[in-house]
Amino acid sequence: MSSYFTELARQYIDGEWRAGTGSWDLIDFDPYDNEKLASITIATADEVDLAYRAAARAQPGWAAAGPYARRAVFERALRLVEEREPEIAEALVTELGSTRPTAAFEVRLAKEALREAAHLALSPRATVLPSPVAGKENRLYREPVGVVGVVSPFNFPFFLALKSLAPALALGNGVVLKPHEDTPVTGGTLIARILEEAGLPGGVLNVVVTDVAEIGDAFLAHPVPEVISFTGSDQVGRHVAMVCAAHFKRCVLALSGNSALVVLDDADVDYAVDAAVFSRYVHQGQVCMAAGRVLVDRSLAEEFTAKFAARVGALGVGDPREASTVIGPLINSSLADDVAGVVEQALAEGATALVRGTVRDNLVGPSVLTGLPADSALLRREVFGPVAFVVPFDGEDEAVRLVDDTPYGLSGAVHTADVERGVRFARRVATGMFHVNDGTVHDELIVPFGGEKHSGAGRLNGEASLDAFTRQQWVSVQHGRSTFPF
């Protein structure tokens, strides 16, 4: 597999595979065994400029090719992904420590992203609107914004890069992609290779593997891109938004979360336990929608907590290649140290560990904590790892207050025997997405995806992507003669 990564360990600029010219190499590691997969000489700010200029040159021709030609590229890309699904899944296991079921799940989502992009290519339509002025016709056109800069994360790198760049390209834009430095291949150059083979013209998509330590704000502040689509932490997202605002760029921000799964007093406890275990521990908890907080009505708290802790304690931890593994490695040692520190801090604040995972290198076992003081900052922050806080509550009003007692508002779920009660509960909370009798981790490519508060700005998927990556222009036509006041 290492030769697979070595082959793709390059920059992709203006249709050419080339080495970067930065002063240092980014080393791509397998997070489970720390095996070196590849080294990539990073791109400089000059190469970021080359990438954006290439996209700007190629974009008009790509837009003029028309929606059917663009659709055909994504149909071919989908077939390539289907043909190579096993090797792509294996690359995800290797580069980011995905378990095999999680890797398969990510590839399925990526295929849906390509299908939706093919559909979206034909979606923009001109609209004629009425006018109060006699003889006047109002036409509303949608056009590509031009060039889009995409910054993708490490946790679902293949899918989440496609989630922005596929609709942007399908709508006639050029794209420059900066993948996360921990997943430069599955989040970047692998996608470039697939789209290149699918017939995407050179220069339309460019991939620059680099780091802010080398380029600073050059990727964000460059004059070419009209839109920046960023997926990552709210701390970095805040900076992205400030730079974009200073340069009058639009930005789409998919940021951190601190979702709650709520178990009301009439819930099916066993089913709620199943949903909570998946919602917190899928992909080692490295999911922005993960249920870091499990809120349980006090009347069910003892039963639920015992069953939840038993299930979590039995989760297999280890090599993501093994079929028995549910919890593989975190992406790097920095994150592993942070998550381990959260558990230590919670215990120091008086929490009780019903399950406490051991830590070995990047492997952090799952933990279940309860009894954390209500004013603890840990209940309000995102924990990007396999740690769940179980919090009892008394009645729906308190549950709503607890759900919203965080700077974030991305996802959530509520379990109840009464579906409409669940819908009423969902509509009381300040989140972009909320699910009744299900888990907190969902993404469907025709449903607007995004959060409130510190969880982001804007939406992606379906019609929302149309809004994100096109501009509207009003062209009026006066078929008669207007009357002017002077």
Protein backbone atom coordinates (compact mmCIF):
# COMPACT_ATOMS: atom_id res chain seq x y z
CA MET A 1 0.00 0.00 0.00
CA SER A 2 2.93 2.36 0.61
CA SER A 3 3.67 2.49 -3.15
CA TYR A 4 0.08 3.59 -3.67
CA PHE A 5 0.70 6.63 -1.45
CA THR A 6 4.14 7.34 -2.89
CA GLU A 7 2.66 7.54 -6.39
CA LEU A 8 0.15 10.18 -5.28
CA ALA A 9 2.52 12.15 -3.05
CA ARG A 10 2.76 15.17 -5.35
CA GLN A 11 1.11 18.46 -6.12
CA TYR A 12 -1.48 18.63 -8.90
CA ILE A 13 -1.36 22.05 -10.55
CA ASP A 14 -2.59 23.07 -14.01
CA GLY A 15 -3.08 19.46 -15.08
CA GLU A 16 0.47 18.45 -14.14
CA TRP A 17 1.79 16.24 -11.35
CA ARG A 18 4.78 17.97 -9.86
CA ALA A 19 6.90 18.26 -6.75
CA GLY A 20 6.43 21.13 -4.39
CA THR A 21 9.24 23.61 -3.92
CA GLY A 22 8.82 24.30 -0.21
CA SER A 23 11.71 24.05 2.20
CA TRP A 24 10.42 20.99 4.05
CA ASP A 25 8.56 17.74 3.54
CA LEU A 26 5.21 16.74 4.95
CA ILE A 27 5.37 13.13 6.16
CA ASP A 28 2.24 11.02 5.73
CA PHE A 29 1.92 8.37 8.47
CA ASP A 30 -0.32 5.41 9.20
CA PRO A 31 -1.78 6.52 12.57
CA TYR A 32 -2.05 2.95 13.89
CA ASP A 33 1.55 1.80 13.58
CA ASN A 34 3.23 5.11 12.62
CA GLU A 35 4.58 3.57 9.43
CA LYS A 36 5.74 6.20 6.97
CA LEU A 37 3.52 6.11 3.89
CA ALA A 38 5.03 8.92 1.87
CA SER A 39 6.75 12.28 2.01
CA ILE A 40 5.52 15.30 0.07
CA THR A 41 7.51 18.45 -0.45
CA ILE A 42 4.99 21.12 0.42
CA ALA A 43 3.66 23.80 -1.86
CA THR A 44 4.70 27.41 -1.37
CA ALA A 45 2.58 30.53 -1.65
CA ASP A 46 3.88 30.87 -5.20
CA GLU A 47 2.45 27.47 -6.05
CA VAL A 48 -0.86 28.39 -4.46
CA ASP A 49 -0.83 31.37 -6.80
CA LEU A 50 -0.07 29.11 -9.79
CA ALA A 51 -2.96 26.83 -8.81
CA TYR A 52 -5.46 29.67 -8.51
CA ARG A 53 -4.29 31.26 -11.76
CA ALA A 54 -4.62 27.91 -13.52
CA ALA A 55 -8.16 27.49 -12.21
CA ALA A 56 -9.07 31.00 -13.33
CA ARG A 57 -7.77 30.30 -16.86
CA ALA A 58 -9.47 26.92 -17.18
CA GLN A 59 -12.81 27.84 -15.60
CA PRO A 60 -14.44 29.76 -18.49
CA GLY A 61 -13.92 26.87 -20.90
CA TRP A 62 -15.21 24.38 -18.34
CA ALA A 63 -18.33 26.47 -17.77
CA ALA A 64 -18.85 26.87 -21.52
CA ALA A 65 -18.59 23.11 -22.05
CA GLY A 66 -22.13 22.94 -20.72
CA PRO A 67 -23.96 20.98 -18.05
CA TYR A 68 -24.17 17.72 -20.01
CA ALA A 69 -20.42 17.57 -20.53
CA ARG A 70 -19.87 18.29 -16.86
CA ARG A 71 -22.40 15.64 -15.87
CA ALA A 72 -20.58 13.07 -18.00
CA VAL A 73 -17.32 13.66 -16.10
CA PHE A 74 -19.01 12.92 -12.79
CA GLU A 75 -20.74 9.86 -14.18
CA ARG A 76 -17.35 8.51 -15.27
CA ALA A 77 -15.82 9.42 -11.90
CA LEU A 78 -18.59 7.50 -10.15
CA ARG A 79 -17.84 4.41 -12.25
CA LEU A 80 -14.14 4.68 -11.39
CA VAL A 81 -14.90 4.87 -7.67
CA GLU A 82 -17.20 1.87 -7.97
CA GLU A 83 -14.48 -0.11 -9.76
CA ARG A 84 -11.83 0.86 -7.18
CA GLU A 85 -13.94 0.77 -4.06
CA PRO A 86 -11.82 -1.89 -2.27
CA GLU A 87 -8.54 -0.03 -2.82
CA ILE A 88 -10.04 3.34 -1.84
CA ALA A 89 -11.44 1.82 1.35
CA GLU A 90 -8.05 0.26 2.10
CA ALA A 91 -6.38 3.65 1.61
CA LEU A 92 -8.78 5.19 4.16
CA VAL A 93 -7.98 2.44 6.67
CA THR A 94 -4.27 3.03 6.12
CA GLU A 95 -4.05 6.84 6.05
CA LEU A 96 -6.55 7.81 8.74
CA GLY A 97 -7.15 4.69 10.78
CA SER A 98 -10.74 4.13 9.70
CA THR A 99 -12.17 0.77 10.65
CA ARG A 100 -13.32 -1.24 7.67
CA PRO A 101 -17.04 -0.53 8.24
CA THR A 102 -16.32 3.20 8.57
CA ALA A 103 -14.23 3.21 5.40
CA ALA A 104 -17.01 1.42 3.52
CA PHE A 105 -19.51 3.96 4.90
CA GLU A 106 -17.34 6.84 3.70
CA VAL A 107 -17.00 5.44 0.19
CA ARG A 108 -20.79 5.01 -0.01
CA LEU A 109 -21.22 8.67 0.93
CA ALA A 110 -18.60 9.69 -1.64
CA LYS A 111 -20.50 7.84 -4.36
CA GLU A 112 -23.67 9.67 -3.35
CA ALA A 113 -21.76 12.97 -3.57
CA LEU A 114 -20.72 12.14 -7.14
CA ARG A 115 -24.27 11.11 -8.10
CA GLU A 116 -25.66 14.33 -6.68
CA ALA A 117 -23.00 16.39 -8.49
CA ALA A 118 -23.99 14.79 -11.78
CA HIS A 119 -27.59 15.74 -11.08
CA LEU A 120 -26.68 19.23 -9.89
CA ALA A 121 -24.90 20.02 -13.15
CA LEU A 122 -28.29 20.33 -14.84
CA SER A 123 -30.00 22.20 -12.00
CA PRO A 124 -29.33 25.92 -12.68
CA ARG A 125 -32.19 27.45 -14.60
CA ALA A 126 -32.99 30.99 -15.66
CA THR A 127 -36.17 32.37 -14.10
CA VAL A 128 -38.52 35.03 -15.44
CA LEU A 129 -40.13 37.16 -12.73
CA PRO A 130 -43.03 39.60 -13.13
CA SER A 131 -42.57 43.35 -12.98
CA PRO A 132 -44.98 46.11 -11.88
CA VAL A 133 -43.67 48.19 -14.79
CA ALA A 134 -45.58 47.83 -18.08
CA GLY A 135 -43.61 46.11 -20.84
CA LYS A 136 -40.79 45.02 -18.52
CA GLU A 137 -39.45 41.50 -18.09
CA ASN A 138 -37.17 40.43 -15.23
CA ARG A 139 -34.80 37.59 -15.91
CA LEU A 140 -32.82 35.96 -13.12
CA TYR A 141 -29.75 33.98 -14.18
CA ARG A 142 -27.50 31.68 -12.17
CA GLU A 143 -23.82 31.66 -13.10
CA PRO A 144 -20.75 29.97 -11.60
CA VAL A 145 -18.99 32.14 -9.04
CA GLY A 146 -15.69 31.51 -10.86
CA VAL A 147 -13.12 29.81 -8.64
CA VAL A 148 -13.74 28.15 -5.26
CA GLY A 149 -11.10 27.40 -2.64
CA VAL A 150 -11.81 24.25 -0.62
CA VAL A 151 -10.12 23.38 2.68
CA SER A 152 -11.02 19.83 3.72
CA PRO A 153 -10.60 18.00 7.05
CA PHE A 154 -8.97 14.71 8.05
CA ASN A 155 -11.86 12.79 9.56
CA PHE A 156 -13.82 11.81 6.42
CA PRO A 157 -11.33 13.24 3.92
CA PHE A 158 -12.46 11.56 0.70
CA PHE A 159 -16.13 12.32 1.20
CA LEU A 160 -15.86 15.76 2.79
CA ALA A 161 -13.55 17.08 0.06
CA LEU A 162 -15.99 15.83 -2.57
CA LYS A 163 -18.90 17.33 -0.63
CA SER A 164 -17.67 20.83 -1.59
CA LEU A 165 -15.58 20.39 -4.71
CA ALA A 166 -17.94 18.08 -6.62
CA PRO A 167 -20.92 20.48 -6.66
CA ALA A 168 -18.63 23.45 -7.22
CA LEU A 169 -17.12 21.78 -10.29
CA ALA A 170 -20.46 20.43 -11.53
CA LEU A 171 -21.83 23.98 -11.54
CA GLY A 172 -19.03 25.20 -13.78
CA ASN A 173 -16.49 26.55 -11.30
CA GLY A 174 -12.77 25.98 -11.05
CA VAL A 175 -11.50 24.62 -7.73
CA VAL A 176 -8.28 24.69 -5.74
CA LEU A 177 -8.27 22.11 -2.95
CA LYS A 178 -6.07 22.17 0.13
CA PRO A 179 -6.44 18.82 1.92
CA HIS A 180 -5.64 18.38 5.59
CA GLU A 181 -1.95 17.70 6.14
CA ASP A 182 -2.73 14.36 7.87
CA THR A 183 -4.70 13.06 4.86
CA PRO A 184 -3.08 14.56 1.76
CA VAL A 185 -3.80 11.56 -0.45
CA THR A 186 -7.30 10.33 0.42
CA GLY A 187 -8.43 13.93 0.95
CA GLY A 188 -6.66 15.41 -2.04
CA THR A 189 -4.49 13.83 -4.68
CA LEU A 190 -6.53 10.61 -4.95
CA ILE A 191 -9.55 12.73 -5.91
CA ALA A 192 -7.48 14.62 -8.48
CA ARG A 193 -6.33 11.34 -10.04
CA ILE A 194 -9.89 10.00 -10.29
CA LEU A 195 -11.28 13.17 -11.85
CA GLU A 196 -8.32 13.45 -14.20
CA GLU A 197 -9.01 9.92 -15.45
CA ALA A 198 -12.71 10.76 -15.70
CA GLY A 199 -11.87 13.48 -18.22
CA LEU A 200 -11.82 16.67 -16.17
CA PRO A 201 -9.76 19.19 -18.16
CA GLY A 202 -6.39 20.16 -16.73
CA GLY A 203 -6.39 23.26 -14.55
CA VAL A 204 -10.06 23.05 -13.56
CA LEU A 205 -9.14 21.23 -10.32
CA ASN A 206 -5.84 21.84 -8.58
CA VAL A 207 -4.59 20.25 -5.35
CA VAL A 208 -1.97 21.96 -3.20
CA VAL A 209 -0.54 19.99 -0.30
CA THR A 210 0.81 22.55 2.12
CA ASP A 211 0.59 24.00 5.60
CA VAL A 212 -0.20 27.42 7.05
CA ALA A 213 3.29 27.45 8.56
CA GLU A 214 4.52 27.78 4.98
CA ILE A 215 1.82 29.83 3.24
CA GLY A 216 0.10 31.80 6.01
CA ASP A 217 -3.20 33.18 4.72
CA ALA A 218 -2.21 32.98 1.04
CA PHE A 219 -4.83 30.32 0.28
CA LEU A 220 -7.65 32.38 1.81
CA ALA A 221 -6.61 35.90 0.84
CA HIS A 222 -5.65 35.22 -2.77
CA PRO A 223 -7.58 37.53 -5.12
CA VAL A 224 -8.87 34.80 -7.45
CA PRO A 225 -11.31 32.70 -5.36
CA GLU A 226 -14.75 34.20 -4.84
CA VAL A 227 -15.85 31.54 -2.32
CA ILE A 228 -13.96 29.62 0.35
CA SER A 229 -15.51 26.39 1.60
CA PHE A 230 -13.90 25.33 4.88
CA THR A 231 -14.57 22.26 7.01
CA GLY A 232 -12.81 22.09 10.37
CA SER A 233 -12.74 23.52 13.87
CA ASP A 234 -14.61 26.63 14.92
CA GLN A 235 -11.35 28.22 16.11
CA VAL A 236 -9.86 28.05 12.62
CA GLY A 237 -13.24 28.76 11.05
CA ARG A 238 -13.45 32.06 12.89
CA HIS A 239 -10.14 33.10 11.32
CA VAL A 240 -11.27 31.93 7.88
CA ALA A 241 -14.42 34.04 8.20
CA MET A 242 -12.43 37.12 9.23
CA VAL A 243 -10.01 36.82 6.30
CA CYS A 244 -12.86 36.25 3.86
CA ALA A 245 -14.76 39.25 5.20
CA ALA A 246 -11.70 41.46 4.88
CA HIS A 247 -11.42 40.49 1.19
CA PHE A 248 -15.17 40.53 0.44
CA LYS A 249 -15.28 36.79 -0.21
CA ARG A 250 -18.18 34.52 0.55
CA CYS A 251 -17.46 31.59 2.83
CA VAL A 252 -19.22 28.35 3.67
CA LEU A 253 -18.19 27.06 7.08
CA ALA A 254 -18.87 23.54 8.38
CA LEU A 255 -17.45 23.67 11.88
CA SER A 256 -17.34 21.96 15.26
CA GLY A 257 -20.20 20.40 17.16
CA ASN A 258 -21.17 19.25 20.62
CA SER A 259 -24.30 17.28 19.86
CA ALA A 260 -26.62 15.79 22.43
CA LEU A 261 -28.63 12.59 22.19
CA VAL A 262 -31.70 12.97 24.41
CA VAL A 263 -33.60 10.04 25.95
CA LEU A 264 -37.07 11.09 27.10
CA ASP A 265 -39.04 9.24 29.75
CA ASP A 266 -41.06 7.16 27.24
CA ALA A 267 -38.12 6.06 25.08
CA ASP A 268 -37.22 2.52 24.05
CA VAL A 269 -34.14 2.19 26.24
CA ASP A 270 -32.43 -0.61 24.34
CA TYR A 271 -32.86 1.15 21.02
CA ALA A 272 -31.67 4.46 22.51
CA VAL A 273 -28.56 2.68 23.81
CA ASP A 274 -27.84 1.36 20.30
CA ALA A 275 -28.22 4.84 18.82
CA ALA A 276 -26.07 6.45 21.51
CA VAL A 277 -23.21 3.96 21.16
CA PHE A 278 -23.03 4.53 17.41
CA SER A 279 -23.52 8.29 17.68
CA ARG A 280 -20.63 8.74 20.09
CA TYR A 281 -18.10 6.11 19.03
CA VAL A 282 -18.33 5.90 15.25
CA HIS A 283 -14.89 6.64 13.78
CA GLN A 284 -13.44 6.91 17.29
CA GLY A 285 -15.66 9.93 17.96
CA GLN A 286 -13.84 12.00 15.32
CA VAL A 287 -17.11 13.25 13.88
CA CYS A 288 -18.47 16.79 14.19
CA MET A 289 -22.00 15.41 14.67
CA ALA A 290 -21.00 12.90 17.34
CA ALA A 291 -23.08 12.76 20.52
CA GLY A 292 -20.57 13.92 23.09
CA ARG A 293 -23.40 14.37 25.59
CA VAL A 294 -26.03 11.74 26.31
CA LEU A 295 -28.93 13.33 28.21
CA VAL A 296 -31.27 10.86 29.94
CA ASP A 297 -34.50 11.46 31.82
CA ARG A 298 -33.82 10.69 35.47
CA SER A 299 -36.55 8.02 35.55
CA LEU A 300 -34.56 5.97 33.01
CA ALA A 301 -31.04 7.03 33.95
CA GLU A 302 -30.07 4.00 36.02
CA GLU A 303 -31.24 1.44 33.44
CA PHE A 304 -29.90 3.35 30.46
CA THR A 305 -26.52 4.11 31.98
CA ALA A 306 -25.89 0.51 33.04
CA LYS A 307 -26.71 -0.82 29.57
CA PHE A 308 -24.81 1.94 27.80
CA ALA A 309 -21.66 1.42 29.89
CA ALA A 310 -21.81 -2.34 29.35
CA ARG A 311 -22.02 -1.92 25.59
CA VAL A 312 -19.22 0.64 25.44
CA GLY A 313 -16.96 -1.44 27.66
CA ALA A 314 -17.24 -4.33 25.21
CA LEU A 315 -16.20 -2.35 22.11
CA GLY A 316 -13.11 -3.77 20.42
CA VAL A 317 -10.09 -1.46 20.38
CA GLY A 318 -7.05 -1.96 18.18
CA ASP A 319 -5.90 -2.48 14.61
CA PRO A 320 -8.49 -0.94 12.26
CA ARG A 321 -7.83 -3.75 9.79
CA GLU A 322 -9.23 -6.36 12.18
CA ALA A 323 -12.91 -7.23 11.81
CA SER A 324 -13.44 -7.08 15.60
CA THR A 325 -12.17 -3.49 15.88
CA VAL A 326 -14.73 -0.74 16.49
CA ILE A 327 -12.32 1.81 17.98
CA GLY A 328 -9.20 2.36 15.90
CA PRO A 329 -6.51 5.03 16.33
CA LEU A 330 -7.05 8.75 16.52
CA ILE A 331 -5.45 10.63 13.67
CA ASN A 332 -2.34 11.83 15.54
CA SER A 333 -0.63 12.01 18.91
CA SER A 334 -1.73 15.60 19.54
CA LEU A 335 -5.39 14.64 19.39
CA ALA A 336 -4.79 11.49 21.44
CA ASP A 337 -3.13 13.57 24.16
CA ASP A 338 -6.00 16.07 24.11
CA VAL A 339 -8.67 13.39 24.51
CA ALA A 340 -6.74 11.65 27.27
CA GLY A 341 -6.42 15.02 28.98
CA VAL A 342 -10.18 15.54 28.84
CA VAL A 343 -10.72 12.33 30.80
CA GLU A 344 -8.11 13.33 33.36
CA GLN A 345 -9.64 16.77 33.76
CA ALA A 346 -13.15 15.36 34.14
CA LEU A 347 -12.03 13.00 36.89
CA ALA A 348 -10.19 15.83 38.62
CA GLU A 349 -13.44 17.84 38.55
CA GLY A 350 -15.31 15.02 40.31
CA ALA A 351 -16.69 12.90 37.48
CA THR A 352 -17.00 9.14 37.81
CA ALA A 353 -15.64 6.86 35.08
CA LEU A 354 -18.09 4.05 34.39
CA VAL A 355 -15.78 3.01 31.58
CA ARG A 356 -12.24 4.30 31.25
CA GLY A 357 -10.30 3.53 28.14
CA THR A 358 -6.60 2.87 28.18
CA VAL A 359 -4.22 4.93 26.06
CA ARG A 360 -1.44 3.50 23.90
CA ASP A 361 0.13 5.76 21.31
CA ASN A 362 -2.78 6.98 19.12
CA LEU A 363 -5.13 4.28 20.42
CA VAL A 364 -7.50 5.81 22.96
CA GLY A 365 -10.06 3.39 24.37
CA PRO A 366 -13.66 4.52 24.91
CA SER A 367 -14.71 6.20 28.14
CA VAL A 368 -18.09 6.86 29.75
CA LEU A 369 -18.17 9.56 32.40
CA THR A 370 -20.98 10.72 34.64
CA GLY A 371 -21.35 13.09 37.54
CA LEU A 372 -19.45 15.94 35.90
CA PRO A 373 -20.34 19.25 37.59
CA ALA A 374 -23.01 21.15 35.67
CA ASP A 375 -20.74 24.18 35.28
CA SER A 376 -17.82 22.22 33.79
CA ALA A 377 -16.44 23.68 30.59
CA LEU A 378 -16.00 20.13 29.30
CA LEU A 379 -19.76 19.85 28.79
CA ARG A 380 -19.67 22.84 26.47
CA ARG A 381 -16.68 22.06 24.26
CA GLU A 382 -16.22 19.65 21.38
CA VAL A 383 -14.33 16.50 22.35
CA PHE A 384 -13.06 14.90 19.14
CA GLY A 385 -12.62 11.41 20.49
CA PRO A 386 -14.29 8.42 22.19
CA VAL A 387 -15.52 10.08 25.39
CA ALA A 388 -19.20 10.32 26.37
CA PHE A 389 -20.70 12.37 29.20
CA VAL A 390 -23.97 10.95 30.56
CA VAL A 391 -26.15 13.65 32.13
CA PRO A 392 -29.54 13.01 33.81
CA PHE A 393 -32.32 15.59 33.56
CA ASP A 394 -35.78 16.23 35.00
CA GLY A 395 -38.37 16.90 32.32
CA GLU A 396 -38.32 18.27 28.79
CA ASP A 397 -37.74 21.91 29.68
CA GLU A 398 -34.48 21.06 31.44
CA ALA A 399 -33.49 18.80 28.54
CA VAL A 400 -33.97 21.63 26.05
CA ARG A 401 -31.92 23.95 28.23
CA LEU A 402 -29.09 21.41 28.47
CA VAL A 403 -29.07 20.71 24.72
CA ASP A 404 -28.64 24.41 24.04
CA ASP A 405 -26.13 25.01 26.84
CA THR A 406 -23.17 25.00 24.46
CA PRO A 407 -21.72 27.42 21.89
CA TYR A 408 -22.48 24.86 19.18
CA GLY A 409 -25.63 23.88 17.31
CA LEU A 410 -24.87 21.29 14.67
CA SER A 411 -26.82 18.07 15.19
CA GLY A 412 -28.70 16.11 17.82
CA ALA A 413 -31.28 13.41 18.40
CA VAL A 414 -34.23 12.69 20.69
CA HIS A 415 -35.76 9.32 21.56
CA THR A 416 -39.42 9.02 22.48
CA ALA A 417 -42.41 6.72 21.91
CA ASP A 418 -44.34 9.70 20.51
CA VAL A 419 -42.90 10.85 17.19
CA GLU A 420 -44.72 14.19 17.22
CA ARG A 421 -43.48 14.83 20.75
CA GLY A 422 -39.99 14.29 19.35
CA VAL A 423 -40.62 16.74 16.51
CA ARG A 424 -41.90 19.37 18.95
CA PHE A 425 -38.78 18.85 21.06
CA ALA A 426 -36.50 19.13 18.03
CA ARG A 427 -38.07 22.41 16.96
CA ARG A 428 -37.36 23.95 20.36
CA VAL A 429 -33.58 23.56 20.13
CA ALA A 430 -31.10 25.77 18.27
CA THR A 431 -29.43 23.29 15.96
CA GLY A 432 -29.17 23.08 12.21
CA MET A 433 -30.14 19.39 12.23
CA PHE A 434 -32.02 17.20 14.68
CA HIS A 435 -33.22 13.61 14.39
CA VAL A 436 -36.16 11.82 16.03
CA ASN A 437 -35.60 8.22 17.13
CA ASP A 438 -32.25 7.89 15.41
CA GLY A 439 -28.58 8.72 15.85
CA THR A 440 -26.96 12.13 15.60
CA VAL A 441 -24.64 11.27 12.67
CA HIS A 442 -26.37 11.69 9.31
CA ASP A 443 -25.61 13.25 5.95
CA GLU A 444 -27.96 12.91 2.99
CA LEU A 445 -26.78 14.62 -0.14
CA ILE A 446 -30.06 16.32 -1.08
CA VAL A 447 -30.80 17.65 2.43
CA PRO A 448 -29.22 20.97 3.51
CA PHE A 449 -26.34 20.29 5.90
CA GLY A 450 -25.03 22.88 8.35
CA GLY A 451 -25.14 24.27 11.85
CA GLU A 452 -26.09 27.22 13.99
CA LYS A 453 -24.07 29.33 16.42
CA HIS A 454 -20.38 28.34 16.38
CA SER A 455 -21.09 25.27 14.25
CA GLY A 456 -20.86 27.14 11.00
CA ALA A 457 -22.33 29.44 8.42
CA GLY A 458 -24.17 28.50 5.27
CA ARG A 459 -25.31 25.09 4.07
CA LEU A 460 -24.15 22.41 1.65
CA ASN A 461 -25.95 19.62 -0.29
CA GLY A 462 -28.57 19.85 -3.00
CA GLU A 463 -30.16 23.25 -3.51
CA ALA A 464 -27.97 24.65 -0.73
CA SER A 465 -24.85 23.85 -2.78
CA LEU A 466 -26.47 25.61 -5.71
CA ASP A 467 -26.73 28.73 -3.56
CA ALA A 468 -23.20 28.31 -2.22
CA PHE A 469 -21.40 27.98 -5.54
CA THR A 470 -23.37 30.15 -7.97
CA ARG A 471 -24.14 33.84 -8.19
CA GLN A 472 -27.45 35.32 -9.28
CA GLN A 473 -27.73 38.09 -11.83
CA TRP A 474 -30.85 40.14 -12.54
CA VAL A 475 -31.21 41.18 -16.17
CA SER A 476 -34.27 43.25 -16.97
CA VAL A 477 -35.63 43.80 -20.48
CA GLN A 478 -37.96 46.69 -21.33
CA HIS A 479 -39.99 45.65 -24.36
CA GLY A 480 -41.87 48.94 -24.48
CA ARG A 481 -40.68 52.33 -23.34
CA SER A 482 -40.17 53.44 -19.77
CA THR A 483 -41.36 56.79 -18.52
CA PHE A 484 -38.72 58.75 -16.64
CA PRO A 485 -39.48 61.51 -14.09
CA PHE A 486 -36.98 63.97 -15.58
